[in-house]
Amino acid sequence: MYKRRQYSWSDGKTLQLFAHTLIMGILNGTPDSFSDGGQHNTPELAAAWTRQMVADGADVIDLGVESTRPGSTPLTAEQEIERLSILIDPVLEASSVPVSIDTYHAKTADYAFSKGAHILNDVWGLHYDPDMAAVAAKYHVPIIIMHNSNDTNYGDIIEDMKAFFFSAVDKALKEGVQPQHIWLDPGIGFGKTEAQNIEVMQRLGEITAYEYPVLLAPSRKRFIGSMLGGLPPEERDEGTVAACITGVFQGVDMVRVHNVLMHKRALAVADGLLRSE
C-alpha cells in the first residue's frame, strides 16, 4: 500500500519514505506571502525558523522567495535569484534535513542546486519553463510536479489533472529524470475554485493510486478558512490538520505545512492507526 523511497545526497542529508508520513516545513523568504510574509526573509530569521522546524519534526524544508498568493506580482528569475542568494547558504547550513526549492524558473533551480539544494518543488509542474526538467536531470534531484492551471474550466477535474501529470512525467523521463525521483502534488489552491479544491481533496485516492508518491499542500488555504466561517490564515492550522489527515487516509506520502509541530503530533497518531501491524 505504501510507497518506498530512499534518497541520499553528497552532503550527508537523507530522506526515507515509508515509516511515516513525511512533513515538509514551509519557509517563505518573502515580504508578501499570504500567511507569514516578512517573518522569515532575512538570513537570521530564515536560519532560526529552519532550525525550529527541524526541531519540531520537519523532514524537508521548502524554501521559496516568490509569493504565489492570488494577486501577487511574479518575479523574474534574476529577481528570484537575488532574493534567494541572501538566504540559501544560511538555510542550508542551519538545516540537518534536505532543502527543497520552490520555483518554476529553471535558472533559479540551477542556481539553487549549484549551491547545494536537494529537491525541486515546481508549482507549474514542468509546464512553465521548458528547461526545468533538464535542470532536474542534470543534478539528479527529486522533483515535485504540482498541478496548476491558468483557469478553472475543467471537464472531470481529476481526469484533467491526470493528463497534466502524464504530460509532465513524460517530459521528465525524456530529459533523463529517474522515475523514482518523481513526485506529484494535486496543487490545492492553485487554478481551482473552492468547490474544486474540496472535490480534489475528496478524490485524492485517484491520484495516490499511481506509483508516484504524492505531496499534499493544503496549509492555511482559503477553502479551509471558508469552511471555518471566514477565519484568517493564521487561525487555520486545526483545519489544515483535518485536511492533511484526510489526505493521509487516502494515501498521500508527505504534507507541506506551516505549523510543523502540530502536524508532527497529529500525524503520529494517524500513522499509528494506519501503518501499525
Protein backbone atom coordinates (compact mmCIF):
# COMPACT_ATOMS: atom_id res chain seq x y z
CA MET A 1 0.00 0.00 0.00
CA TYR A 2 2.75 2.45 0.94
CA LYS A 3 5.39 3.60 -1.48
CA ARG A 4 9.05 3.20 -0.55
CA ARG A 5 11.69 5.74 -1.48
CA GLN A 6 15.12 6.43 -0.07
CA TYR A 7 17.26 9.37 -1.11
CA SER A 8 20.74 10.41 -0.11
CA TRP A 9 22.91 13.37 -1.09
CA SER A 10 26.63 14.01 -1.13
CA ASP A 11 26.41 16.34 1.89
CA GLY A 12 25.10 13.50 4.06
CA LYS A 13 21.42 14.51 4.06
CA THR A 14 18.93 11.68 3.64
CA LEU A 15 15.21 11.18 3.19
CA GLN A 16 13.34 7.92 3.66
CA LEU A 17 9.73 7.35 2.77
CA PHE A 18 7.72 4.53 4.27
CA ALA A 19 7.80 4.50 8.06
CA HIS A 20 5.72 7.65 8.50
CA THR A 21 4.06 10.46 6.59
CA LEU A 22 6.77 12.98 5.79
CA ILE A 23 6.41 16.63 6.76
CA MET A 24 7.67 19.50 4.62
CA GLY A 25 8.03 22.70 6.61
CA ILE A 26 7.28 25.96 4.80
CA LEU A 27 9.97 28.66 4.76
CA ASN A 28 8.63 31.73 2.98
CA GLY A 29 11.57 34.03 2.41
CA THR A 30 9.18 36.62 1.01
CA PRO A 31 7.88 40.02 2.10
CA ASP A 32 4.32 39.31 0.94
CA SER A 33 3.20 35.68 1.32
CA PHE A 34 -0.45 35.33 2.30
CA SER A 35 0.20 33.81 5.74
CA ASP A 36 3.66 34.71 7.02
CA GLY A 37 5.19 37.16 4.55
CA GLY A 38 8.01 39.23 6.04
CA GLN A 39 8.53 36.94 9.03
CA HIS A 40 11.46 34.87 7.72
CA ASN A 41 13.03 36.86 4.89
CA THR A 42 16.37 37.81 6.44
CA PRO A 43 19.31 35.39 6.83
CA GLU A 44 18.96 35.36 10.62
CA LEU A 45 15.20 34.85 10.63
CA ALA A 46 15.31 32.21 7.91
CA ALA A 47 18.03 30.22 9.67
CA ALA A 48 16.22 30.44 13.01
CA TRP A 49 12.92 29.25 11.51
CA THR A 50 14.73 26.43 9.73
CA ARG A 51 16.25 25.21 12.98
CA GLN A 52 12.89 25.48 14.73
CA MET A 53 11.05 23.47 12.09
CA VAL A 54 13.71 20.76 12.11
CA ALA A 55 13.48 20.58 15.91
CA ASP A 56 9.70 20.32 15.59
CA GLY A 57 9.98 17.34 13.26
CA ALA A 58 10.24 18.58 9.67
CA ASP A 59 11.67 16.02 7.23
CA VAL A 60 12.18 18.63 4.48
CA ILE A 61 12.48 22.43 4.49
CA ASP A 62 10.79 24.10 1.50
CA LEU A 63 12.42 27.45 0.70
CA GLY A 64 10.63 29.87 -1.60
CA VAL A 65 11.22 33.56 -2.20
CA GLU A 66 8.33 34.42 -4.54
CA SER A 67 4.82 34.71 -3.18
CA THR A 68 2.28 32.70 -5.16
CA ARG A 69 -0.73 34.09 -3.32
CA PRO A 70 -3.63 35.29 -5.52
CA GLY A 71 -2.83 38.72 -6.96
CA SER A 72 0.88 38.58 -6.21
CA THR A 73 3.43 40.03 -8.63
CA PRO A 74 5.61 37.38 -10.33
CA LEU A 75 9.37 37.72 -10.11
CA THR A 76 11.82 37.28 -12.93
CA ALA A 77 14.40 34.55 -12.47
CA GLU A 78 17.03 37.23 -11.86
CA GLN A 79 14.93 38.87 -9.12
CA GLU A 80 14.26 35.49 -7.57
CA ILE A 81 17.93 34.56 -7.54
CA GLU A 82 18.79 37.92 -5.96
CA ARG A 83 16.43 37.20 -3.06
CA LEU A 84 17.49 33.58 -2.83
CA SER A 85 21.20 34.41 -2.76
CA ILE A 86 20.78 36.09 0.62
CA LEU A 87 19.02 33.13 2.23
CA ILE A 88 20.16 29.87 0.69
CA ASP A 89 23.54 29.49 2.39
CA PRO A 90 22.23 30.25 5.90
CA VAL A 91 19.30 27.89 5.39
CA LEU A 92 21.43 25.04 4.06
CA GLU A 93 23.84 25.50 6.94
CA ALA A 94 21.05 25.58 9.53
CA SER A 95 19.20 22.55 8.18
CA SER A 96 20.08 18.95 9.02
CA VAL A 97 17.38 17.76 6.61
CA PRO A 98 17.05 18.20 2.82
CA VAL A 99 16.05 21.61 1.49
CA SER A 100 13.66 21.89 -1.44
CA ILE A 101 13.48 24.93 -3.69
CA ASP A 102 10.05 26.29 -4.54
CA THR A 103 10.43 27.78 -8.01
CA TYR A 104 9.16 27.49 -11.56
CA HIS A 105 12.22 29.16 -13.15
CA ALA A 106 14.92 26.82 -14.47
CA LYS A 107 17.64 29.46 -13.91
CA THR A 108 16.65 29.75 -10.26
CA ALA A 109 16.59 25.99 -9.85
CA ASP A 110 20.03 25.66 -11.46
CA TYR A 111 21.42 28.32 -9.13
CA ALA A 112 19.90 26.66 -6.06
CA PHE A 113 21.22 23.21 -6.91
CA SER A 114 24.67 24.61 -7.66
CA LYS A 115 24.60 25.94 -4.09
CA GLY A 116 23.63 22.54 -2.65
CA ALA A 117 19.82 22.40 -2.54
CA HIS A 118 18.30 18.93 -2.68
CA ILE A 119 14.77 18.84 -4.15
CA LEU A 120 12.82 20.80 -6.77
CA ASN A 121 9.27 21.91 -5.96
CA ASP A 122 7.79 23.31 -9.20
CA VAL A 123 4.38 24.96 -8.77
CA TRP A 124 3.85 24.80 -12.53
CA GLY A 125 4.76 21.14 -12.79
CA LEU A 126 7.24 21.47 -15.69
CA HIS A 127 4.63 23.33 -17.78
CA TYR A 128 6.08 26.86 -17.38
CA ASP A 129 9.79 26.67 -18.14
CA PRO A 130 10.79 24.23 -20.91
CA ASP A 131 14.27 23.86 -19.42
CA MET A 132 13.16 22.80 -15.93
CA ALA A 133 13.15 19.03 -16.47
CA ALA A 134 16.67 19.18 -17.90
CA VAL A 135 17.89 21.02 -14.79
CA ALA A 136 16.37 18.39 -12.52
CA ALA A 137 18.00 15.64 -14.57
CA LYS A 138 21.37 17.46 -14.58
CA TYR A 139 21.53 17.49 -10.79
CA HIS A 140 19.80 14.10 -10.23
CA VAL A 141 17.34 15.62 -7.75
CA PRO A 142 13.81 14.58 -6.82
CA ILE A 143 11.19 16.77 -8.45
CA ILE A 144 7.69 17.58 -7.19
CA ILE A 145 5.33 18.14 -10.11
CA MET A 146 2.43 20.31 -8.94
CA HIS A 147 -0.80 20.66 -10.89
CA ASN A 148 -1.67 24.22 -11.86
CA SER A 149 -3.83 26.00 -14.41
CA ASN A 150 -4.50 29.49 -15.71
CA ASP A 151 -8.24 28.94 -15.42
CA THR A 152 -10.75 26.76 -13.61
CA ASN A 153 -12.52 25.28 -16.63
CA TYR A 154 -12.32 21.51 -16.34
CA GLY A 155 -14.26 18.57 -17.64
CA ASP A 156 -13.71 15.95 -14.97
CA ILE A 157 -11.15 17.71 -12.82
CA ILE A 158 -9.24 14.60 -11.77
CA GLU A 159 -9.05 13.29 -15.32
CA ASP A 160 -7.76 16.68 -16.47
CA MET A 161 -5.18 16.65 -13.67
CA LYS A 162 -4.04 13.19 -14.71
CA ALA A 163 -3.47 14.44 -18.27
CA PHE A 164 -1.39 17.32 -16.86
CA PHE A 165 0.66 14.90 -14.77
CA PHE A 166 1.15 12.39 -17.59
CA SER A 167 2.45 15.17 -19.85
CA ALA A 168 4.86 16.41 -17.19
CA VAL A 169 6.10 12.94 -16.29
CA ASP A 170 6.72 12.23 -19.98
CA LYS A 171 8.81 15.43 -20.23
CA ALA A 172 10.78 14.48 -17.14
CA LEU A 173 11.53 10.95 -18.25
CA LYS A 174 12.57 12.09 -21.73
CA GLU A 175 15.07 14.52 -20.18
CA GLY A 176 16.55 11.77 -18.02
CA VAL A 177 14.84 12.30 -14.67
CA GLN A 178 14.80 8.96 -12.89
CA PRO A 179 11.30 7.54 -12.24
CA GLN A 180 11.97 7.20 -8.50
CA HIS A 181 12.71 10.94 -8.37
CA ILE A 182 9.20 11.96 -9.49
CA TRP A 183 6.55 13.12 -7.02
CA LEU A 184 3.09 14.53 -7.72
CA ASP A 185 1.19 17.34 -5.97
CA PRO A 186 -2.52 17.99 -6.69
CA GLY A 187 -1.98 21.74 -6.30
CA ILE A 188 -4.63 22.57 -3.74
CA GLY A 189 -5.40 26.29 -4.01
CA PHE A 190 -3.90 26.71 -7.48
CA GLY A 191 -6.11 27.03 -10.56
CA LYS A 192 -9.13 25.73 -8.70
CA THR A 193 -12.29 27.14 -7.15
CA GLU A 194 -13.07 26.39 -3.53
CA ALA A 195 -15.57 23.74 -4.64
CA GLN A 196 -12.95 22.20 -6.91
CA ASN A 197 -10.39 22.14 -4.10
CA ILE A 198 -12.86 20.23 -1.95
CA GLU A 199 -13.62 17.78 -4.75
CA VAL A 200 -9.91 17.12 -5.29
CA MET A 201 -9.46 16.56 -1.55
CA GLN A 202 -12.29 14.05 -1.61
CA ARG A 203 -10.81 12.20 -4.60
CA LEU A 204 -7.12 12.14 -3.68
CA GLY A 205 -7.15 8.35 -3.80
CA GLU A 206 -7.45 8.55 -7.57
CA ILE A 207 -4.05 10.28 -7.66
CA THR A 208 -2.29 8.28 -4.94
CA ALA A 209 -3.24 5.09 -6.80
CA TYR A 210 -0.34 5.69 -9.19
CA GLU A 211 3.24 4.62 -8.49
CA TYR A 212 4.49 8.13 -7.77
CA PRO A 213 4.50 9.46 -4.20
CA VAL A 214 2.15 12.39 -3.56
CA LEU A 215 2.73 15.62 -1.67
CA LEU A 216 -0.36 17.38 -0.31
CA ALA A 217 -0.11 21.11 0.44
CA PRO A 218 -3.39 22.49 1.83
CA SER A 219 -1.84 24.54 4.63
CA ARG A 220 -3.96 27.55 5.63
CA LYS A 221 -5.57 27.71 2.18
CA ARG A 222 -8.66 29.83 1.55
CA PHE A 223 -11.10 26.93 1.30
CA ILE A 224 -10.19 25.92 4.85
CA GLY A 225 -10.88 29.45 6.07
CA SER A 226 -14.25 29.41 4.31
CA MET A 227 -15.18 26.08 5.86
CA LEU A 228 -14.35 27.60 9.26
CA GLY A 229 -16.59 30.62 8.80
CA GLY A 230 -14.05 33.00 7.30
CA LEU A 231 -11.11 32.57 9.65
CA PRO A 232 -7.88 34.35 8.61
CA PRO A 233 -4.82 32.32 7.54
CA GLU A 234 -3.11 32.33 10.92
CA GLU A 235 -6.17 30.65 12.50
CA ARG A 236 -6.48 27.78 10.01
CA ASP A 237 -3.99 25.28 11.46
CA GLU A 238 -6.57 22.96 13.02
CA GLY A 239 -8.43 22.90 9.72
CA THR A 240 -5.17 22.16 7.97
CA VAL A 241 -4.61 19.18 10.25
CA ALA A 242 -8.02 17.82 9.27
CA ALA A 243 -7.23 18.29 5.58
CA CYS A 244 -3.85 16.60 5.92
CA ILE A 245 -5.28 13.61 7.76
CA THR A 246 -7.96 13.33 5.09
CA GLY A 247 -5.08 13.06 2.65
CA VAL A 248 -3.13 10.57 4.75
CA PHE A 249 -6.15 8.28 4.90
CA GLN A 250 -6.22 8.38 1.09
CA GLY A 251 -2.55 7.53 0.72
CA VAL A 252 -0.59 10.80 0.46
CA ASP A 253 3.06 10.46 1.40
CA MET A 254 4.09 13.95 2.52
CA VAL A 255 2.31 17.11 3.65
CA ARG A 256 3.55 20.68 3.28
CA VAL A 257 2.60 22.80 6.30
CA HIS A 258 3.32 25.98 8.22
CA ASN A 259 2.83 24.52 11.72
CA VAL A 260 5.21 21.56 11.81
CA LEU A 261 4.88 20.63 15.48
CA MET A 262 1.07 20.44 15.42
CA HIS A 263 1.19 18.19 12.36
CA LYS A 264 4.01 16.04 13.70
CA ARG A 265 1.85 15.16 16.70
CA ALA A 266 -1.37 14.68 14.75
CA LEU A 267 0.22 12.57 12.03
CA ALA A 268 1.98 10.38 14.60
CA VAL A 269 -1.50 9.27 15.68
CA ALA A 270 -2.82 8.95 12.12
CA ASP A 271 0.22 6.93 11.08
CA GLY A 272 -0.05 4.76 14.18
CA LEU A 273 -3.63 3.92 13.30
CA LEU A 274 -2.93 3.27 9.63
CA ARG A 275 0.53 1.79 9.50
CA SER A 276 0.84 -0.29 12.66
CA GLU A 277 0.75 -4.02 12.08
